[in-house]
PDB file of N, CA and C in Angstrom:
ATOM      1  N   UNK A   1     -29.278  31.836  43.030  1.00  0.00           N
ATOM      2  CA  UNK A   1     -30.954  31.985  42.914  1.00  0.00           C
ATOM      3  C   UNK A   1     -31.221  32.479  41.390  1.00  0.00           C
ATOM      4  N   UNK A   2     -32.214  31.840  40.913  1.00  0.00           N
ATOM      5  CA  UNK A   2     -32.374  31.986  39.669  1.00  0.00           C
ATOM      6  C   UNK A   2     -33.121  33.395  39.389  1.00  0.00           C
ATOM      7  N   UNK A   3     -33.773  33.929  40.405  1.00  0.00           N
ATOM      8  CA  UNK A   3     -34.467  35.235  40.273  1.00  0.00           C
ATOM      9  C   UNK A   3     -33.815  36.225  41.360  1.00  0.00           C
ATOM     10  N   UNK A   4     -34.053  37.522  40.889  1.00  0.00           N
ATOM     11  CA  UNK A   4     -33.602  38.621  41.810  1.00  0.00           C
ATOM     12  C   UNK A   4     -34.782  39.422  42.371  1.00  0.00           C
ATOM     13  N   UNK A   5     -34.758  40.169  43.454  1.00  0.00           N
ATOM     14  CA  UNK A   5     -35.602  41.137  43.724  1.00  0.00           C
ATOM     15  C   UNK A   5     -35.759  42.029  42.651  1.00  0.00           C
ATOM     16  N   UNK A   6     -37.054  42.461  42.332  1.00  0.00           N
ATOM     17  CA  UNK A   6     -37.452  43.280  41.270  1.00  0.00           C
ATOM     18  C   UNK A   6     -37.609  42.905  39.894  1.00  0.00           C
ATOM     19  N   UNK A   7     -37.239  41.417  39.721  1.00  0.00           N
ATOM     20  CA  UNK A   7     -37.222  40.560  38.557  1.00  0.00           C
ATOM     21  C   UNK A   7     -39.145  40.429  38.249  1.00  0.00           C
ATOM     22  N   UNK A   8     -39.487  40.586  36.826  1.00  0.00           N
ATOM     23  CA  UNK A   8     -40.855  40.276  36.829  1.00  0.00           C
ATOM     24  C   UNK A   8     -40.632  38.676  36.068  1.00  0.00           C
ATOM     25  N   UNK A   9     -41.306  37.877  36.675  1.00  0.00           N
ATOM     26  CA  UNK A   9     -41.629  36.649  36.213  1.00  0.00           C
ATOM     27  C   UNK A   9     -42.773  36.149  35.765  1.00  0.00           C
ATOM     28  N   UNK A  10     -42.807  35.078  34.834  1.00  0.00           N
ATOM     29  CA  UNK A  10     -44.078  34.876  33.832  1.00  0.00           C
ATOM     30  C   UNK A  10     -44.315  33.373  34.519  1.00  0.00           C
ATOM     31  N   UNK A  11     -45.647  33.142  34.924  1.00  0.00           N
ATOM     32  CA  UNK A  11     -46.122  31.952  35.044  1.00  0.00           C
ATOM     33  C   UNK A  11     -46.484  31.272  34.102  1.00  0.00           C
ATOM     34  N   UNK A  12     -45.696  30.227  33.388  1.00  0.00           N
ATOM     35  CA  UNK A  12     -46.021  29.651  32.260  1.00  0.00           C
ATOM     36  C   UNK A  12     -47.119  29.078  32.038  1.00  0.00           C
ATOM     37  N   UNK A  13     -48.066  28.586  32.939  1.00  0.00           N
ATOM     38  CA  UNK A  13     -49.182  27.995  32.953  1.00  0.00           C
ATOM     39  C   UNK A  13     -50.245  28.959  32.559  1.00  0.00           C
ATOM     40  N   UNK A  14     -50.422  30.072  33.492  1.00  0.00           N
ATOM     41  CA  UNK A  14     -51.307  30.929  33.426  1.00  0.00           C
ATOM     42  C   UNK A  14     -51.031  32.138  32.524  1.00  0.00           C
ATOM     43  N   UNK A  15     -49.853  32.441  32.256  1.00  0.00           N
ATOM     44  CA  UNK A  15     -49.383  33.605  31.654  1.00  0.00           C
ATOM     45  C   UNK A  15     -49.293  34.933  32.441  1.00  0.00           C
ATOM     46  N   UNK A  16     -49.743  34.687  33.838  1.00  0.00           N
ATOM     47  CA  UNK A  16     -49.639  35.956  34.643  1.00  0.00           C
ATOM     48  C   UNK A  16     -48.230  36.415  34.851  1.00  0.00           C
ATOM     49  N   UNK A  17     -48.014  37.663  35.154  1.00  0.00           N
ATOM     50  CA  UNK A  17     -46.815  38.080  35.583  1.00  0.00           C
ATOM     51  C   UNK A  17     -46.893  38.487  36.835  1.00  0.00           C
ATOM     52  N   UNK A  18     -45.501  38.350  37.567  1.00  0.00           N
ATOM     53  CA  UNK A  18     -45.485  38.698  39.236  1.00  0.00           C
ATOM     54  C   UNK A  18     -43.927  39.256  39.098  1.00  0.00           C
ATOM     55  N   UNK A  19     -44.185  40.406  40.209  1.00  0.00           N
ATOM     56  CA  UNK A  19     -42.879  41.006  40.498  1.00  0.00           C
ATOM     57  C   UNK A  19     -42.362  40.566  41.700  1.00  0.00           C
ATOM     58  N   UNK A  20     -41.250  40.084  41.750  1.00  0.00           N
ATOM     59  CA  UNK A  20     -40.281  39.328  42.814  1.00  0.00           C
ATOM     60  C   UNK A  20     -40.112  40.395  43.931  1.00  0.00           C
ATOM     61  N   UNK A  21     -40.318  40.335  44.908  1.00  0.00           N
ATOM     62  CA  UNK A  21     -40.250  41.187  46.156  1.00  0.00           C
ATOM     63  C   UNK A  21     -39.033  40.827  47.184  1.00  0.00           C
ATOM     64  N   UNK A  22     -39.075  39.673  47.406  1.00  0.00           N
ATOM     65  CA  UNK A  22     -38.104  38.968  48.520  1.00  0.00           C
ATOM     66  C   UNK A  22     -37.661  37.779  48.122  1.00  0.00           C
ATOM     67  N   UNK A  23     -36.430  37.441  48.359  1.00  0.00           N
ATOM     68  CA  UNK A  23     -35.655  36.359  47.830  1.00  0.00           C
ATOM     69  C   UNK A  23     -35.622  35.133  48.932  1.00  0.00           C
ATOM     70  N   UNK A  24     -35.306  34.063  48.651  1.00  0.00           N
ATOM     71  CA  UNK A  24     -35.230  32.801  49.744  1.00  0.00           C
ATOM     72  C   UNK A  24     -34.098  33.149  50.911  1.00  0.00           C
ATOM     73  N   UNK A  25     -33.236  33.925  50.729  1.00  0.00           N
ATOM     74  CA  UNK A  25     -32.419  34.349  51.895  1.00  0.00           C
ATOM     75  C   UNK A  25     -32.723  34.994  52.952  1.00  0.00           C
ATOM     76  N   UNK A  26     -33.953  35.603  52.788  1.00  0.00           N
ATOM     77  CA  UNK A  26     -34.734  36.507  53.964  1.00  0.00           C
ATOM     78  C   UNK A  26     -36.041  36.130  54.147  1.00  0.00           C
ATOM     79  N   UNK A  27     -36.898  35.310  53.228  1.00  0.00           N
ATOM     80  CA  UNK A  27     -38.150  34.769  53.277  1.00  0.00           C
ATOM     81  C   UNK A  27     -38.462  33.580  53.269  1.00  0.00           C
ATOM     82  N   UNK A  28     -39.190  33.234  54.369  1.00  0.00           N
ATOM     83  CA  UNK A  28     -39.340  31.818  54.747  1.00  0.00           C
ATOM     84  C   UNK A  28     -40.774  31.418  54.812  1.00  0.00           C
ATOM     85  N   UNK A  29     -41.251  30.072  54.759  1.00  0.00           N
ATOM     86  CA  UNK A  29     -42.841  29.705  54.805  1.00  0.00           C
ATOM     87  C   UNK A  29     -42.594  29.049  56.068  1.00  0.00           C
ATOM     88  N   UNK A  30     -43.643  29.460  56.909  1.00  0.00           N
ATOM     89  CA  UNK A  30     -44.094  28.816  58.109  1.00  0.00           C
ATOM     90  C   UNK A  30     -44.947  27.574  57.981  1.00  0.00           C
ATOM     91  N   UNK A  31     -44.882  26.488  58.668  1.00  0.00           N
ATOM     92  CA  UNK A  31     -44.108  26.436  59.993  1.00  0.00           C
ATOM     93  C   UNK A  31     -42.570  25.770  59.874  1.00  0.00           C
ATOM     94  N   UNK A  32     -42.164  25.264  58.593  1.00  0.00           N
ATOM     95  CA  UNK A  32     -41.037  24.588  58.679  1.00  0.00           C
ATOM     96  C   UNK A  32     -39.819  25.459  58.093  1.00  0.00           C
ATOM     97  N   UNK A  33     -40.178  26.815  57.999  1.00  0.00           N
ATOM     98  CA  UNK A  33     -39.245  27.712  57.518  1.00  0.00           C
ATOM     99  C   UNK A  33     -38.415  27.512  56.135  1.00  0.00           C
ATOM    100  N   UNK A  34     -39.013  26.835  55.242  1.00  0.00           N
ATOM    101  CA  UNK A  34     -38.595  26.585  53.929  1.00  0.00           C
ATOM    102  C   UNK A  34     -38.320  27.838  53.434  1.00  0.00           C
ATOM    103  N   UNK A  35     -37.128  27.946  52.662  1.00  0.00           N
ATOM    104  CA  UNK A  35     -37.014  28.905  51.737  1.00  0.00           C
ATOM    105  C   UNK A  35     -37.915  29.265  50.909  1.00  0.00           C
ATOM    106  N   UNK A  36     -38.415  30.854  50.618  1.00  0.00           N
ATOM    107  CA  UNK A  36     -39.423  31.152  49.925  1.00  0.00           C
ATOM    108  C   UNK A  36     -39.275  32.535  48.988  1.00  0.00           C
ATOM    109  N   UNK A  37     -39.925  32.935  47.875  1.00  0.00           N
ATOM    110  CA  UNK A  37     -40.100  33.952  47.360  1.00  0.00           C
ATOM    111  C   UNK A  37     -41.357  34.566  47.886  1.00  0.00           C
ATOM    112  N   UNK A  38     -41.219  36.036  47.902  1.00  0.00           N
ATOM    113  CA  UNK A  38     -42.454  36.870  48.042  1.00  0.00           C
ATOM    114  C   UNK A  38     -42.461  37.688  46.576  1.00  0.00           C
ATOM    115  N   UNK A  39     -43.965  37.738  46.325  1.00  0.00           N
ATOM    116  CA  UNK A  39     -44.284  38.035  45.100  1.00  0.00           C
ATOM    117  C   UNK A  39     -45.484  38.901  44.952  1.00  0.00           C
ATOM    118  N   UNK A  40     -45.708  39.886  44.055  1.00  0.00           N
ATOM    119  CA  UNK A  40     -46.819  40.558  43.768  1.00  0.00           C
ATOM    120  C   UNK A  40     -47.250  40.629  42.292  1.00  0.00           C
ATOM    121  N   UNK A  41     -48.668  40.513  42.236  1.00  0.00           N
ATOM    122  CA  UNK A  41     -49.372  40.325  40.786  1.00  0.00           C
ATOM    123  C   UNK A  41     -48.679  41.479  39.938  1.00  0.00           C
ATOM    124  N   UNK A  42     -48.539  41.426  38.865  1.00  0.00           N
ATOM    125  CA  UNK A  42     -47.921  42.653  38.030  1.00  0.00           C
ATOM    126  C   UNK A  42     -48.723  42.960  36.623  1.00  0.00           C
ATOM    127  N   UNK A  43     -50.182  42.501  37.042  1.00  0.00           N
ATOM    128  CA  UNK A  43     -51.169  42.978  35.835  1.00  0.00           C
ATOM    129  C   UNK A  43     -51.737  44.138  36.171  1.00  0.00           C
ATOM    130  N   UNK A  44     -52.863  44.440  35.216  1.00  0.00           N
ATOM    131  CA  UNK A  44     -53.606  45.649  35.367  1.00  0.00           C
ATOM    132  C   UNK A  44     -54.493  45.836  36.575  1.00  0.00           C
ATOM    133  N   UNK A  45     -54.825  44.624  37.441  1.00  0.00           N
ATOM    134  CA  UNK A  45     -55.648  44.673  38.381  1.00  0.00           C
ATOM    135  C   UNK A  45     -54.633  44.632  39.621  1.00  0.00           C
ATOM    136  N   UNK A  46     -53.480  44.765  39.470  1.00  0.00           N
ATOM    137  CA  UNK A  46     -52.545  44.799  40.722  1.00  0.00           C
ATOM    138  C   UNK A  46     -52.604  46.255  41.499  1.00  0.00           C
ATOM    139  N   UNK A  47     -53.086  47.096  40.688  1.00  0.00           N
ATOM    140  CA  UNK A  47     -53.132  48.505  41.564  1.00  0.00           C
ATOM    141  C   UNK A  47     -54.412  48.463  42.512  1.00  0.00           C
ATOM    142  N   UNK A  48     -55.323  47.494  42.279  1.00  0.00           N
ATOM    143  CA  UNK A  48     -56.447  47.525  43.111  1.00  0.00           C
ATOM    144  C   UNK A  48     -56.189  46.329  44.251  1.00  0.00           C
ATOM    145  N   UNK A  49     -55.100  45.433  44.017  1.00  0.00           N
ATOM    146  CA  UNK A  49     -54.901  44.466  44.932  1.00  0.00           C
ATOM    147  C   UNK A  49     -53.447  44.258  45.147  1.00  0.00           C
ATOM    148  N   UNK A  50     -52.852  44.681  46.338  1.00  0.00           N
ATOM    149  CA  UNK A  50     -51.437  44.917  46.523  1.00  0.00           C
ATOM    150  C   UNK A  50     -51.065  43.756  47.452  1.00  0.00           C
ATOM    151  N   UNK A  51     -51.771  42.380  47.114  1.00  0.00           N
ATOM    152  CA  UNK A  51     -51.674  41.405  47.999  1.00  0.00           C
ATOM    153  C   UNK A  51     -50.397  41.072  47.771  1.00  0.00           C
ATOM    154  N   UNK A  52     -49.633  40.445  48.692  1.00  0.00           N
ATOM    155  CA  UNK A  52     -48.307  39.760  48.727  1.00  0.00           C
ATOM    156  C   UNK A  52     -48.281  38.345  48.673  1.00  0.00           C
ATOM    157  N   UNK A  53     -47.978  37.666  47.766  1.00  0.00           N
ATOM    158  CA  UNK A  53     -47.927  36.177  47.979  1.00  0.00           C
ATOM    159  C   UNK A  53     -46.748  35.609  48.281  1.00  0.00           C
ATOM    160  N   UNK A  54     -46.657  34.198  48.737  1.00  0.00           N
ATOM    161  CA  UNK A  54     -45.221  33.492  48.945  1.00  0.00           C
ATOM    162  C   UNK A  54     -45.277  32.208  48.421  1.00  0.00           C
ATOM    163  N   UNK A  55     -44.201  31.718  47.975  1.00  0.00           N
ATOM    164  CA  UNK A  55     -44.297  30.346  47.190  1.00  0.00           C
ATOM    165  C   UNK A  55     -42.834  29.691  47.728  1.00  0.00           C
ATOM    166  N   UNK A  56     -42.856  28.671  48.036  1.00  0.00           N
ATOM    167  CA  UNK A  56     -41.464  27.967  48.130  1.00  0.00           C
ATOM    168  C   UNK A  56     -40.542  28.107  47.141  1.00  0.00           C
ATOM    169  N   UNK A  57     -39.343  28.316  47.416  1.00  0.00           N
ATOM    170  CA  UNK A  57     -38.267  28.515  46.497  1.00  0.00           C
ATOM    171  C   UNK A  57     -38.340  27.198  45.365  1.00  0.00           C
ATOM    172  N   UNK A  58     -38.593  25.997  45.990  1.00  0.00           N
ATOM    173  CA  UNK A  58     -38.370  24.789  45.116  1.00  0.00           C
ATOM    174  C   UNK A  58     -39.571  25.046  44.170  1.00  0.00           C
ATOM    175  N   UNK A  59     -40.776  25.542  44.334  1.00  0.00           N
ATOM    176  CA  UNK A  59     -41.932  25.563  43.350  1.00  0.00           C
ATOM    177  C   UNK A  59     -41.449  26.716  42.177  1.00  0.00           C
ATOM    178  N   UNK A  60     -40.918  27.781  42.878  1.00  0.00           N
ATOM    179  CA  UNK A  60     -40.562  28.933  41.807  1.00  0.00           C
ATOM    180  C   UNK A  60     -39.361  28.624  40.827  1.00  0.00           C
ATOM    181  N   UNK A  61     -38.559  27.716  41.309  1.00  0.00           N
ATOM    182  CA  UNK A  61     -37.387  27.322  40.565  1.00  0.00           C
ATOM    183  C   UNK A  61     -37.491  25.888  39.960  1.00  0.00           C
ATOM    184  N   UNK A  62     -38.729  25.321  39.829  1.00  0.00           N
ATOM    185  CA  UNK A  62     -38.710  24.049  39.142  1.00  0.00           C
ATOM    186  C   UNK A  62     -39.092  24.336  37.629  1.00  0.00           C
ATOM    187  N   UNK A  63     -39.104  25.282  37.127  1.00  0.00           N
ATOM    188  CA  UNK A  63     -39.499  25.368  35.782  1.00  0.00           C
ATOM    189  C   UNK A  63     -41.006  26.007  35.389  1.00  0.00           C
ATOM    190  N   UNK A  64     -41.707  26.122  36.327  1.00  0.00           N
ATOM    191  CA  UNK A  64     -43.029  26.828  36.138  1.00  0.00           C
ATOM    192  C   UNK A  64     -42.900  28.369  36.040  1.00  0.00           C
ATOM    193  N   UNK A  65     -41.879  28.834  36.349  1.00  0.00           N
ATOM    194  CA  UNK A  65     -41.825  30.413  36.373  1.00  0.00           C
ATOM    195  C   UNK A  65     -40.296  30.599  35.385  1.00  0.00           C
ATOM    196  N   UNK A  66     -40.443  31.592  34.524  1.00  0.00           N
ATOM    197  CA  UNK A  66     -39.249  32.176  33.873  1.00  0.00           C
ATOM    198  C   UNK A  66     -39.146  33.703  34.085  1.00  0.00           C
ATOM    199  N   UNK A  67     -37.804  34.211  33.805  1.00  0.00           N
ATOM    200  CA  UNK A  67     -38.038  35.628  34.035  1.00  0.00           C
ATOM    201  C   UNK A  67     -38.605  36.250  32.823  1.00  0.00           C
ATOM    202  N   UNK A  68     -39.541  37.308  32.964  1.00  0.00           N
ATOM    203  CA  UNK A  68     -40.210  37.814  31.682  1.00  0.00           C
ATOM    204  C   UNK A  68     -39.406  38.768  31.032  1.00  0.00           C
ATOM    205  N   UNK A  69     -39.343  38.486  29.619  1.00  0.00           N
ATOM    206  CA  UNK A  69     -38.686  39.415  28.854  1.00  0.00           C
ATOM    207  C   UNK A  69     -39.839  40.552  28.008  1.00  0.00           C
ATOM    208  N   UNK A  70     -40.761  40.738  28.687  1.00  0.00           N
ATOM    209  CA  UNK A  70     -41.847  41.549  28.021  1.00  0.00           C
ATOM    210  C   UNK A  70     -41.972  42.802  28.496  1.00  0.00           C
TER     211      UNK A  70
END
């Protein structure tokens, strides 16, 4: 897997940073049980919004995200 739990990843199109919470080996998308990543926004507003998002692993690993070195 290209990302590890705890990694901060950068969405290249929007510039938003997200913290990876769960990996595809334990996280799935319903109803087809597709492997997924769970993540949370890592920006200043994240303190007010603790929403956890999920995205299929294929989307996270197709080049639109990269590990943030910031």
